[in-house]
Amino acid sequence: MGQPATVYYALAGVDDNGNLSQQSNRVEAVTSDFDKIPPCPVTDLSQAASDYGVVALKWSLPAVAEDGDYPSAYVLHRGRNPGFDDTHPQYTLATVDGSQLSWVDSSLDISSTGYYILTSVDEAGNESMPSNELAAQPRTEDLIIDNRDPECQRVLGTWAVGSTTPIFIGSDYFFIGTHTTSMTGLVEFRPEIPVAGYYNVYAWYTQGTNRPVDGLYQVYHRNGMTEIRLDQTQNGSRWNELGRYYFFPGTGGYVNVGNYCPQSPGKYIIVDAIRFALDSPSPTHIDNWGLYKDDE
């Protein structure tokens, strides 16, 4: 429905030769059904697989509004920091047709993180409440594994799914209660390492006062396993370094996140994403023994 308006109707006849009769009397009418009901918001804005250097976004069709309307368009907003004001025009990135449920952002620098919000708009111009806020980076040669990617598996314990505390990578994160005497919850991030070399490894989580101060991360690499403890009560919604390690190609190197946190009873450890950033690949050599990697 549009704005209320007065419209006028008149009738005229036309014969087979196209001759038009005089108009009938004119009838006045006022449109009265003014639509003030906004469409339902998008609730699952997330990052999709993409080509190098771009951010691909996807979402599902929202529920039907009270007046039976679905969105006729979507407005995409992007900020440089979490919690940005999506109502400010400077953060409006694009308007997307209502028939689309995806969009590709090719304007974000590959070294930056974009914070995205989507709103739904109906034909009357009513705009919905904002979607979830999504933190996303353009695809680079770094390996970024989200908790919803197939390379991430919950191998021990019953992990819950959360999306209450921003800012997280993808559509949500996993969490489980801490245990002070043993490991009862474990999530494994096992990527396909493309080339041998040294990689800087990072973890992303959302912070809170109910997080452990000694969140457990185990990095399995060429020389064995290295254990790192991160304080999840601070430095959330950013990449926290776990160290620099050498990995061979394939799936032999990986990261575990566990809930064995002796210093944090009654807390919840967050599992969101792990990043492997290639720092220095090993050159390949040929000698009498065949093909091998120079790993020093």
C-alpha atoms as a PDB file:
ATOM      1  CA  MET A   1       0.000   0.000   0.000  1.00  0.00           C
ATOM      2  CA  GLY A   2       1.133   3.555  -0.690  1.00  0.00           C
ATOM      3  CA  GLN A   3       0.314   6.911   0.927  1.00  0.00           C
ATOM      4  CA  PRO A   4      -3.448   7.818   1.163  1.00  0.00           C
ATOM      5  CA  ALA A   5      -4.566   9.607  -2.016  1.00  0.00           C
ATOM      6  CA  THR A   6      -7.694  10.891  -3.785  1.00  0.00           C
ATOM      7  CA  VAL A   7      -8.385   9.278  -7.169  1.00  0.00           C
ATOM      8  CA  TYR A   8     -11.048  10.015  -9.817  1.00  0.00           C
ATOM      9  CA  TYR A   9     -12.827   7.590 -12.185  1.00  0.00           C
ATOM     10  CA  ALA A  10     -14.760   8.246 -15.410  1.00  0.00           C
ATOM     11  CA  LEU A  11     -16.114   5.964 -18.146  1.00  0.00           C
ATOM     12  CA  ALA A  12     -16.099   6.392 -21.931  1.00  0.00           C
ATOM     13  CA  GLY A  13     -17.139   4.119 -24.786  1.00  0.00           C
ATOM     14  CA  VAL A  14     -15.130   3.205 -27.912  1.00  0.00           C
ATOM     15  CA  ASP A  15     -16.594   1.824 -31.177  1.00  0.00           C
ATOM     16  CA  ASP A  16     -14.940  -0.487 -33.718  1.00  0.00           C
ATOM     17  CA  ASN A  17     -13.475   2.498 -35.535  1.00  0.00           C
ATOM     18  CA  GLY A  18     -11.858   3.851 -32.411  1.00  0.00           C
ATOM     19  CA  ASN A  19     -14.276   6.717 -31.911  1.00  0.00           C
ATOM     20  CA  LEU A  20     -14.454   7.756 -28.281  1.00  0.00           C
ATOM     21  CA  SER A  21     -17.718   8.853 -26.655  1.00  0.00           C
ATOM     22  CA  GLN A  22     -18.121  11.642 -24.165  1.00  0.00           C
ATOM     23  CA  GLN A  23     -17.023  10.784 -20.626  1.00  0.00           C
ATOM     24  CA  SER A  24     -19.524   9.784 -18.013  1.00  0.00           C
ATOM     25  CA  ASN A  25     -19.874  11.537 -14.727  1.00  0.00           C
ATOM     26  CA  ARG A  26     -16.730  11.540 -12.570  1.00  0.00           C
ATOM     27  CA  VAL A  27     -16.542   9.534  -9.351  1.00  0.00           C
ATOM     28  CA  GLU A  28     -14.191  10.494  -6.514  1.00  0.00           C
ATOM     29  CA  ALA A  29     -12.555   7.885  -4.228  1.00  0.00           C
ATOM     30  CA  VAL A  30      -9.979   8.027  -1.444  1.00  0.00           C
ATOM     31  CA  THR A  31      -7.566   5.207  -0.734  1.00  0.00           C
ATOM     32  CA  SER A  32      -7.816   4.454   2.960  1.00  0.00           C
ATOM     33  CA  ASP A  33      -5.769   1.297   3.663  1.00  0.00           C
ATOM     34  CA  PHE A  34      -2.453   2.918   4.559  1.00  0.00           C
ATOM     35  CA  ASP A  35       0.192   0.301   5.390  1.00  0.00           C
ATOM     36  CA  LYS A  36       2.101   1.111   8.559  1.00  0.00           C
ATOM     37  CA  ILE A  37       3.217  -2.445   9.382  1.00  0.00           C
ATOM     38  CA  PRO A  38       6.940  -3.102   8.762  1.00  0.00           C
ATOM     39  CA  PRO A  39       8.149  -6.397   7.325  1.00  0.00           C
ATOM     40  CA  CYS A  40       9.799  -8.999   9.527  1.00  0.00           C
ATOM     41  CA  PRO A  41      13.576  -8.713   9.989  1.00  0.00           C
ATOM     42  CA  VAL A  42      16.267 -11.053   8.710  1.00  0.00           C
ATOM     43  CA  THR A  43      17.607 -13.175  11.591  1.00  0.00           C
ATOM     44  CA  ASP A  44      20.373 -15.261   9.969  1.00  0.00           C
ATOM     45  CA  LEU A  45      22.712 -12.938   8.073  1.00  0.00           C
ATOM     46  CA  SER A  46      25.903 -14.963   7.539  1.00  0.00           C
ATOM     47  CA  GLN A  47      29.005 -15.253   5.363  1.00  0.00           C
ATOM     48  CA  ALA A  48      28.941 -17.598   2.368  1.00  0.00           C
ATOM     49  CA  ALA A  49      31.752 -19.205   0.394  1.00  0.00           C
ATOM     50  CA  SER A  50      33.291 -16.688  -1.989  1.00  0.00           C
ATOM     51  CA  ASP A  51      36.003 -15.945  -4.485  1.00  0.00           C
ATOM     52  CA  TYR A  52      39.289 -14.435  -3.353  1.00  0.00           C
ATOM     53  CA  GLY A  53      39.149 -10.867  -2.076  1.00  0.00           C
ATOM     54  CA  VAL A  54      35.388 -10.468  -1.577  1.00  0.00           C
ATOM     55  CA  VAL A  55      32.795 -10.972   1.158  1.00  0.00           C
ATOM     56  CA  ALA A  56      29.788 -13.057   0.137  1.00  0.00           C
ATOM     57  CA  LEU A  57      26.698 -12.597   2.314  1.00  0.00           C
ATOM     58  CA  LYS A  58      23.604 -14.773   2.516  1.00  0.00           C
ATOM     59  CA  TRP A  59      20.328 -14.879   4.455  1.00  0.00           C
ATOM     60  CA  SER A  60      16.926 -16.575   4.471  1.00  0.00           C
ATOM     61  CA  LEU A  61      13.536 -15.122   3.570  1.00  0.00           C
ATOM     62  CA  PRO A  62      12.041 -13.610   6.747  1.00  0.00           C
ATOM     63  CA  ALA A  63       8.702 -14.689   8.126  1.00  0.00           C
ATOM     64  CA  VAL A  64       5.573 -13.089   6.694  1.00  0.00           C
ATOM     65  CA  ALA A  65       4.493  -9.861   8.429  1.00  0.00           C
ATOM     66  CA  GLU A  66       1.155  -9.361  10.190  1.00  0.00           C
ATOM     67  CA  ASP A  67      -0.351  -7.825   7.041  1.00  0.00           C
ATOM     68  CA  GLY A  68       0.796 -10.742   4.878  1.00  0.00           C
ATOM     69  CA  ASP A  69       3.704  -8.849   3.268  1.00  0.00           C
ATOM     70  CA  TYR A  70       7.191 -10.143   2.527  1.00  0.00           C
ATOM     71  CA  PRO A  71      10.113  -7.758   1.915  1.00  0.00           C
ATOM     72  CA  SER A  72      10.172  -6.082  -1.477  1.00  0.00           C
ATOM     73  CA  ALA A  73      13.799  -5.062  -0.927  1.00  0.00           C
ATOM     74  CA  TYR A  74      16.667  -5.278   1.541  1.00  0.00           C
ATOM     75  CA  VAL A  75      18.999  -2.483   2.640  1.00  0.00           C
ATOM     76  CA  LEU A  76      22.567  -3.533   3.451  1.00  0.00           C
ATOM     77  CA  HIS A  77      24.527  -1.464   5.958  1.00  0.00           C
ATOM     78  CA  ARG A  78      28.259  -1.771   6.658  1.00  0.00           C
ATOM     79  CA  GLY A  79      30.348  -0.221   9.412  1.00  0.00           C
ATOM     80  CA  ARG A  80      34.010  -0.310  10.334  1.00  0.00           C
ATOM     81  CA  ASN A  81      33.379  -0.989  14.018  1.00  0.00           C
ATOM     82  CA  PRO A  82      30.931  -3.181  15.942  1.00  0.00           C
ATOM     83  CA  GLY A  83      27.759  -1.562  17.190  1.00  0.00           C
ATOM     84  CA  PHE A  84      27.688   1.093  14.446  1.00  0.00           C
ATOM     85  CA  ASP A  85      24.554   3.200  13.832  1.00  0.00           C
ATOM     86  CA  ASP A  86      22.849   1.457  10.918  1.00  0.00           C
ATOM     87  CA  THR A  87      20.325   4.320  10.581  1.00  0.00           C
ATOM     88  CA  HIS A  88      23.027   6.764   9.449  1.00  0.00           C
ATOM     89  CA  PRO A  89      23.094   7.182   5.636  1.00  0.00           C
ATOM     90  CA  GLN A  90      26.894   6.973   5.460  1.00  0.00           C
ATOM     91  CA  TYR A  91      26.712   3.288   6.417  1.00  0.00           C
ATOM     92  CA  THR A  92      24.218   2.310   3.698  1.00  0.00           C
ATOM     93  CA  LEU A  93      26.087   0.067   1.298  1.00  0.00           C
ATOM     94  CA  ALA A  94      23.464  -1.236  -1.148  1.00  0.00           C
ATOM     95  CA  THR A  95      19.783  -1.867  -1.796  1.00  0.00           C
ATOM     96  CA  VAL A  96      19.056  -5.443  -2.810  1.00  0.00           C
ATOM     97  CA  ASP A  97      15.934  -6.640  -4.613  1.00  0.00           C
ATOM     98  CA  GLY A  98      13.557  -8.659  -2.470  1.00  0.00           C
ATOM     99  CA  SER A  99      13.921 -11.682  -4.737  1.00  0.00           C
ATOM    100  CA  GLN A 100      17.593 -11.993  -3.785  1.00  0.00           C
ATOM    101  CA  LEU A 101      18.880 -13.724  -0.664  1.00  0.00           C
ATOM    102  CA  SER A 102      22.581 -13.039  -1.182  1.00  0.00           C
ATOM    103  CA  TRP A 103      24.975 -10.226  -2.050  1.00  0.00           C
ATOM    104  CA  VAL A 104      28.717  -9.912  -2.725  1.00  0.00           C
ATOM    105  CA  ASP A 105      30.755  -7.027  -1.302  1.00  0.00           C
ATOM    106  CA  SER A 106      33.862  -6.412  -3.395  1.00  0.00           C
ATOM    107  CA  SER A 107      34.634  -2.964  -1.948  1.00  0.00           C
ATOM    108  CA  LEU A 108      36.140  -3.998   1.401  1.00  0.00           C
ATOM    109  CA  ASP A 109      39.925  -3.964   1.722  1.00  0.00           C
ATOM    110  CA  ILE A 110      41.288  -7.487   2.256  1.00  0.00           C
ATOM    111  CA  SER A 111      43.040  -6.444   5.468  1.00  0.00           C
ATOM    112  CA  SER A 112      39.828  -5.060   7.003  1.00  0.00           C
ATOM    113  CA  THR A 113      36.864  -6.469   8.890  1.00  0.00           C
ATOM    114  CA  GLY A 114      33.410  -5.283   7.853  1.00  0.00           C
ATOM    115  CA  TYR A 115      30.431  -5.242  10.195  1.00  0.00           C
ATOM    116  CA  TYR A 116      27.175  -5.868   8.322  1.00  0.00           C
ATOM    117  CA  ILE A 117      23.494  -5.341   9.155  1.00  0.00           C
ATOM    118  CA  LEU A 118      20.517  -6.002   6.882  1.00  0.00           C
ATOM    119  CA  THR A 119      17.047  -4.439   7.091  1.00  0.00           C
ATOM    120  CA  SER A 120      13.890  -5.464   5.202  1.00  0.00           C
ATOM    121  CA  VAL A 121      11.706  -2.928   3.354  1.00  0.00           C
ATOM    122  CA  ASP A 122       8.139  -3.396   2.030  1.00  0.00           C
ATOM    123  CA  GLU A 123       6.423  -1.660  -0.904  1.00  0.00           C
ATOM    124  CA  ALA A 124       5.107   1.104   1.369  1.00  0.00           C
ATOM    125  CA  GLY A 125       8.634   1.941   2.475  1.00  0.00           C
ATOM    126  CA  ASN A 126       8.297   0.483   5.971  1.00  0.00           C
ATOM    127  CA  GLU A 127      11.671  -0.715   7.256  1.00  0.00           C
ATOM    128  CA  SER A 128      12.160  -3.611   9.647  1.00  0.00           C
ATOM    129  CA  MET A 129      14.269  -3.857  12.753  1.00  0.00           C
ATOM    130  CA  PRO A 130      17.924  -4.663  11.963  1.00  0.00           C
ATOM    131  CA  SER A 131      19.212  -8.185  11.476  1.00  0.00           C
ATOM    132  CA  ASN A 132      21.974  -9.733  13.523  1.00  0.00           C
ATOM    133  CA  GLU A 133      25.286  -7.893  13.118  1.00  0.00           C
ATOM    134  CA  LEU A 134      27.847  -9.944  11.188  1.00  0.00           C
ATOM    135  CA  ALA A 135      31.630  -9.517  11.289  1.00  0.00           C
ATOM    136  CA  ALA A 136      33.227 -10.686   8.042  1.00  0.00           C
ATOM    137  CA  GLN A 137      36.513 -10.413   6.161  1.00  0.00           C
ATOM    138  CA  PRO A 138      37.237 -10.851   2.466  1.00  0.00           C
ATOM    139  CA  ARG A 139      38.528 -14.281   1.546  1.00  0.00           C
ATOM    140  CA  THR A 140      42.325 -14.325   1.407  1.00  0.00           C
ATOM    141  CA  GLU A 141      44.878 -17.080   1.336  1.00  0.00           C
ATOM    142  CA  ASP A 142      44.401 -17.375   5.091  1.00  0.00           C
ATOM    143  CA  LEU A 143      42.366 -20.377   6.200  1.00  0.00           C
ATOM    144  CA  ILE A 144      39.465 -19.157   8.336  1.00  0.00           C
ATOM    145  CA  ILE A 145      37.357 -21.955   9.807  1.00  0.00           C
ATOM    146  CA  ASP A 146      34.028 -21.008  11.338  1.00  0.00           C
ATOM    147  CA  ASN A 147      32.304 -23.219  13.895  1.00  0.00           C
ATOM    148  CA  ARG A 148      29.694 -24.097  11.240  1.00  0.00           C
ATOM    149  CA  ASP A 149      32.222 -25.173   8.597  1.00  0.00           C
ATOM    150  CA  PRO A 150      32.685 -28.908   7.944  1.00  0.00           C
ATOM    151  CA  GLU A 151      36.316 -28.628   9.102  1.00  0.00           C
ATOM    152  CA  CYS A 152      35.010 -27.919  12.617  1.00  0.00           C
ATOM    153  CA  GLN A 153      33.608 -30.824  14.615  1.00  0.00           C
ATOM    154  CA  ARG A 154      32.241 -31.145  18.156  1.00  0.00           C
ATOM    155  CA  VAL A 155      34.072 -34.328  19.156  1.00  0.00           C
ATOM    156  CA  LEU A 156      33.302 -34.433  22.887  1.00  0.00           C
ATOM    157  CA  GLY A 157      30.459 -33.156  25.041  1.00  0.00           C
ATOM    158  CA  THR A 158      27.143 -31.473  24.335  1.00  0.00           C
ATOM    159  CA  TRP A 159      27.814 -27.982  22.987  1.00  0.00           C
ATOM    160  CA  ALA A 160      25.037 -25.390  22.820  1.00  0.00           C
ATOM    161  CA  VAL A 161      24.626 -22.838  20.030  1.00  0.00           C
ATOM    162  CA  GLY A 162      24.565 -19.133  20.851  1.00  0.00           C
ATOM    163  CA  SER A 163      24.225 -15.812  19.038  1.00  0.00           C
ATOM    164  CA  THR A 164      23.405 -13.457  21.909  1.00  0.00           C
ATOM    165  CA  THR A 165      26.782 -11.802  22.422  1.00  0.00           C
ATOM    166  CA  PRO A 166      28.267  -9.959  19.423  1.00  0.00           C
ATOM    167  CA  ILE A 167      30.497  -9.798  17.507  1.00  0.00           C
ATOM    168  CA  PHE A 168      31.038 -13.310  16.125  1.00  0.00           C
ATOM    169  CA  ILE A 169      32.184 -14.804  12.833  1.00  0.00           C
ATOM    170  CA  GLY A 170      29.393 -16.360  10.758  1.00  0.00           C
ATOM    171  CA  SER A 171      25.888 -16.965  12.092  1.00  0.00           C
ATOM    172  CA  ASP A 172      26.580 -18.162  15.668  1.00  0.00           C
ATOM    173  CA  TYR A 173      29.073 -19.793  18.041  1.00  0.00           C
ATOM    174  CA  PHE A 174      29.304 -22.879  20.278  1.00  0.00           C
ATOM    175  CA  PHE A 175      29.574 -22.839  24.067  1.00  0.00           C
ATOM    176  CA  ILE A 176      29.733 -25.292  26.941  1.00  0.00           C
ATOM    177  CA  GLY A 177      30.239 -25.122  30.695  1.00  0.00           C
ATOM    178  CA  THR A 178      33.798 -25.289  31.991  1.00  0.00           C
ATOM    179  CA  HIS A 179      35.176 -28.232  33.968  1.00  0.00           C
ATOM    180  CA  THR A 180      37.962 -27.806  36.530  1.00  0.00           C
ATOM    181  CA  THR A 181      39.268 -31.371  36.797  1.00  0.00           C
ATOM    182  CA  SER A 182      38.942 -33.000  33.367  1.00  0.00           C
ATOM    183  CA  MET A 183      38.097 -32.465  29.718  1.00  0.00           C
ATOM    184  CA  THR A 184      34.382 -33.042  29.100  1.00  0.00           C
ATOM    185  CA  GLY A 185      33.964 -30.851  26.015  1.00  0.00           C
ATOM    186  CA  LEU A 186      36.182 -30.621  22.942  1.00  0.00           C
ATOM    187  CA  VAL A 187      35.848 -28.970  19.513  1.00  0.00           C
ATOM    188  CA  GLU A 188      38.320 -29.732  16.714  1.00  0.00           C
ATOM    189  CA  PHE A 189      39.302 -27.376  13.877  1.00  0.00           C
ATOM    190  CA  ARG A 190      41.092 -29.487  11.244  1.00  0.00           C
ATOM    191  CA  PRO A 191      41.847 -27.626   7.986  1.00  0.00           C
ATOM    192  CA  GLU A 192      43.314 -28.858   4.728  1.00  0.00           C
ATOM    193  CA  ILE A 193      46.726 -27.134   4.868  1.00  0.00           C
ATOM    194  CA  PRO A 194      47.590 -26.237   1.223  1.00  0.00           C
ATOM    195  CA  VAL A 195      51.374 -25.846   1.472  1.00  0.00           C
ATOM    196  CA  ALA A 196      54.017 -26.655   4.068  1.00  0.00           C
ATOM    197  CA  GLY A 197      55.358 -23.768   6.067  1.00  0.00           C
ATOM    198  CA  TYR A 198      55.042 -21.618   9.137  1.00  0.00           C
ATOM    199  CA  TYR A 199      51.558 -20.363   9.942  1.00  0.00           C
ATOM    200  CA  ASN A 200      50.399 -17.798  12.474  1.00  0.00           C
ATOM    201  CA  VAL A 201      47.344 -19.233  14.222  1.00  0.00           C
ATOM    202  CA  TYR A 202      44.566 -17.108  15.733  1.00  0.00           C
ATOM    203  CA  ALA A 203      41.308 -17.641  17.650  1.00  0.00           C
ATOM    204  CA  TRP A 204      38.105 -15.569  17.615  1.00  0.00           C
ATOM    205  CA  TYR A 205      35.578 -15.605  20.469  1.00  0.00           C
ATOM    206  CA  THR A 206      33.064 -13.281  22.104  1.00  0.00           C
ATOM    207  CA  GLN A 207      34.035 -11.975  25.518  1.00  0.00           C
ATOM    208  CA  GLY A 208      31.967 -11.754  28.704  1.00  0.00           C
ATOM    209  CA  THR A 209      32.192 -11.830  32.480  1.00  0.00           C
ATOM    210  CA  ASN A 210      30.956 -15.445  32.475  1.00  0.00           C
ATOM    211  CA  ARG A 211      33.858 -16.635  30.312  1.00  0.00           C
ATOM    212  CA  PRO A 212      36.951 -18.531  31.528  1.00  0.00           C
ATOM    213  CA  VAL A 213      40.187 -16.705  32.266  1.00  0.00           C
ATOM    214  CA  ASP A 214      42.073 -19.830  31.150  1.00  0.00           C
ATOM    215  CA  GLY A 215      40.288 -20.941  27.966  1.00  0.00           C
ATOM    216  CA  LEU A 216      42.102 -24.005  26.607  1.00  0.00           C
ATOM    217  CA  TYR A 217      43.548 -24.150  23.071  1.00  0.00           C
ATOM    218  CA  GLN A 218      45.738 -26.998  21.819  1.00  0.00           C
ATOM    219  CA  VAL A 219      47.676 -26.531  18.571  1.00  0.00           C
ATOM    220  CA  TYR A 220      48.922 -29.744  16.908  1.00  0.00           C
ATOM    221  CA  HIS A 221      51.857 -29.041  14.574  1.00  0.00           C
ATOM    222  CA  ARG A 222      55.076 -30.576  13.260  1.00  0.00           C
ATOM    223  CA  ASN A 223      56.796 -30.658  16.649  1.00  0.00           C
ATOM    224  CA  GLY A 224      53.862 -32.005  18.647  1.00  0.00           C
ATOM    225  CA  MET A 225      51.240 -30.137  20.638  1.00  0.00           C
ATOM    226  CA  THR A 226      51.406 -26.687  22.202  1.00  0.00           C
ATOM    227  CA  GLU A 227      48.871 -25.645  24.847  1.00  0.00           C
ATOM    228  CA  ILE A 228      47.738 -22.014  25.088  1.00  0.00           C
ATOM    229  CA  ARG A 229      45.413 -20.388  27.599  1.00  0.00           C
ATOM    230  CA  LEU A 230      43.372 -17.318  26.602  1.00  0.00           C
ATOM    231  CA  ASP A 231      41.406 -15.048  28.916  1.00  0.00           C
ATOM    232  CA  GLN A 232      37.970 -14.913  27.280  1.00  0.00           C
ATOM    233  CA  THR A 233      36.762 -12.192  29.638  1.00  0.00           C
ATOM    234  CA  GLN A 234      38.633  -9.701  27.452  1.00  0.00           C
ATOM    235  CA  ASN A 235      39.944  -9.102  23.896  1.00  0.00           C
ATOM    236  CA  GLY A 236      36.816 -10.610  22.333  1.00  0.00           C
ATOM    237  CA  SER A 237      35.590 -10.044  18.749  1.00  0.00           C
ATOM    238  CA  ARG A 238      39.121  -9.891  17.377  1.00  0.00           C
ATOM    239  CA  TRP A 239      41.825 -12.312  16.264  1.00  0.00           C
ATOM    240  CA  ASN A 240      43.875 -13.450  19.271  1.00  0.00           C
ATOM    241  CA  GLU A 241      47.224 -15.002  18.407  1.00  0.00           C
ATOM    242  CA  LEU A 242      47.930 -18.587  19.471  1.00  0.00           C
ATOM    243  CA  GLY A 243      51.468 -18.627  18.090  1.00  0.00           C
ATOM    244  CA  ARG A 244      53.531 -19.412  14.999  1.00  0.00           C
ATOM    245  CA  TYR A 245      53.863 -23.087  14.021  1.00  0.00           C
ATOM    246  CA  TYR A 246      55.079 -25.269  11.175  1.00  0.00           C
ATOM    247  CA  PHE A 247      52.494 -27.445   9.412  1.00  0.00           C
ATOM    248  CA  PHE A 248      52.850 -30.061   6.700  1.00  0.00           C
ATOM    249  CA  PRO A 249      50.311 -30.159   3.850  1.00  0.00           C
ATOM    250  CA  GLY A 250      47.109 -32.053   4.513  1.00  0.00           C
ATOM    251  CA  THR A 251      45.020 -32.488   7.645  1.00  0.00           C
ATOM    252  CA  GLY A 252      47.716 -33.513  10.131  1.00  0.00           C
ATOM    253  CA  GLY A 253      47.793 -30.073  11.780  1.00  0.00           C
ATOM    254  CA  TYR A 254      44.787 -28.825  13.721  1.00  0.00           C
ATOM    255  CA  VAL A 255      43.520 -26.895  16.761  1.00  0.00           C
ATOM    256  CA  ASN A 256      41.407 -28.209  19.645  1.00  0.00           C
ATOM    257  CA  VAL A 257      39.396 -26.003  21.988  1.00  0.00           C
ATOM    258  CA  GLY A 258      38.455 -27.625  25.291  1.00  0.00           C
ATOM    259  CA  ASN A 259      36.522 -26.885  28.445  1.00  0.00           C
ATOM    260  CA  TYR A 260      39.175 -28.072  30.937  1.00  0.00           C
ATOM    261  CA  CYS A 261      39.683 -24.762  32.746  1.00  0.00           C
ATOM    262  CA  PRO A 262      40.960 -25.301  36.317  1.00  0.00           C
ATOM    263  CA  GLN A 263      40.816 -21.597  37.216  1.00  0.00           C
ATOM    264  CA  SER A 264      37.277 -20.957  35.963  1.00  0.00           C
ATOM    265  CA  PRO A 265      34.523 -22.963  37.671  1.00  0.00           C
ATOM    266  CA  GLY A 266      30.978 -22.254  36.567  1.00  0.00           C
ATOM    267  CA  LYS A 267      31.923 -20.377  33.399  1.00  0.00           C
ATOM    268  CA  TYR A 268      31.218 -20.939  29.685  1.00  0.00           C
ATOM    269  CA  ILE A 269      33.937 -21.317  27.061  1.00  0.00           C
ATOM    270  CA  ILE A 270      33.151 -19.906  23.604  1.00  0.00           C
ATOM    271  CA  VAL A 271      34.173 -21.531  20.314  1.00  0.00           C
ATOM    272  CA  ASP A 272      33.706 -19.426  17.180  1.00  0.00           C
ATOM    273  CA  ALA A 273      36.531 -19.452  14.604  1.00  0.00           C
ATOM    274  CA  ILE A 274      40.196 -20.335  14.057  1.00  0.00           C
ATOM    275  CA  ARG A 275      42.486 -18.713  11.476  1.00  0.00           C
ATOM    276  CA  PHE A 276      45.657 -20.122   9.887  1.00  0.00           C
ATOM    277  CA  ALA A 277      47.730 -17.381   8.189  1.00  0.00           C
ATOM    278  CA  LEU A 278      50.695 -18.558   6.084  1.00  0.00           C
ATOM    279  CA  ASP A 279      53.799 -16.675   7.213  1.00  0.00           C
ATOM    280  CA  SER A 280      56.649 -18.335   5.286  1.00  0.00           C
ATOM    281  CA  PRO A 281      56.220 -21.351   2.989  1.00  0.00           C
ATOM    282  CA  SER A 282      59.014 -23.893   2.675  1.00  0.00           C
ATOM    283  CA  PRO A 283      60.830 -24.122  -0.647  1.00  0.00           C
ATOM    284  CA  THR A 284      60.694 -27.497  -2.397  1.00  0.00           C
ATOM    285  CA  HIS A 285      63.952 -29.269  -3.285  1.00  0.00           C
ATOM    286  CA  ILE A 286      64.900 -32.310  -5.350  1.00  0.00           C
ATOM    287  CA  ASP A 287      67.814 -34.544  -4.324  1.00  0.00           C
ATOM    288  CA  ASN A 288      68.827 -38.173  -4.742  1.00  0.00           C
ATOM    289  CA  TRP A 289      66.277 -39.246  -2.167  1.00  0.00           C
ATOM    290  CA  GLY A 290      63.362 -37.697  -4.003  1.00  0.00           C
ATOM    291  CA  LEU A 291      61.048 -34.874  -3.050  1.00  0.00           C
ATOM    292  CA  TYR A 292      61.149 -33.373   0.401  1.00  0.00           C
ATOM    293  CA  LYS A 293      60.460 -30.110   2.206  1.00  0.00           C
ATOM    294  CA  ASP A 294      63.068 -27.821   3.706  1.00  0.00           C
ATOM    295  CA  ASP A 295      61.337 -27.062   6.987  1.00  0.00           C
ATOM    296  CA  GLU A 296      64.004 -25.039   8.681  1.00  0.00           C
END
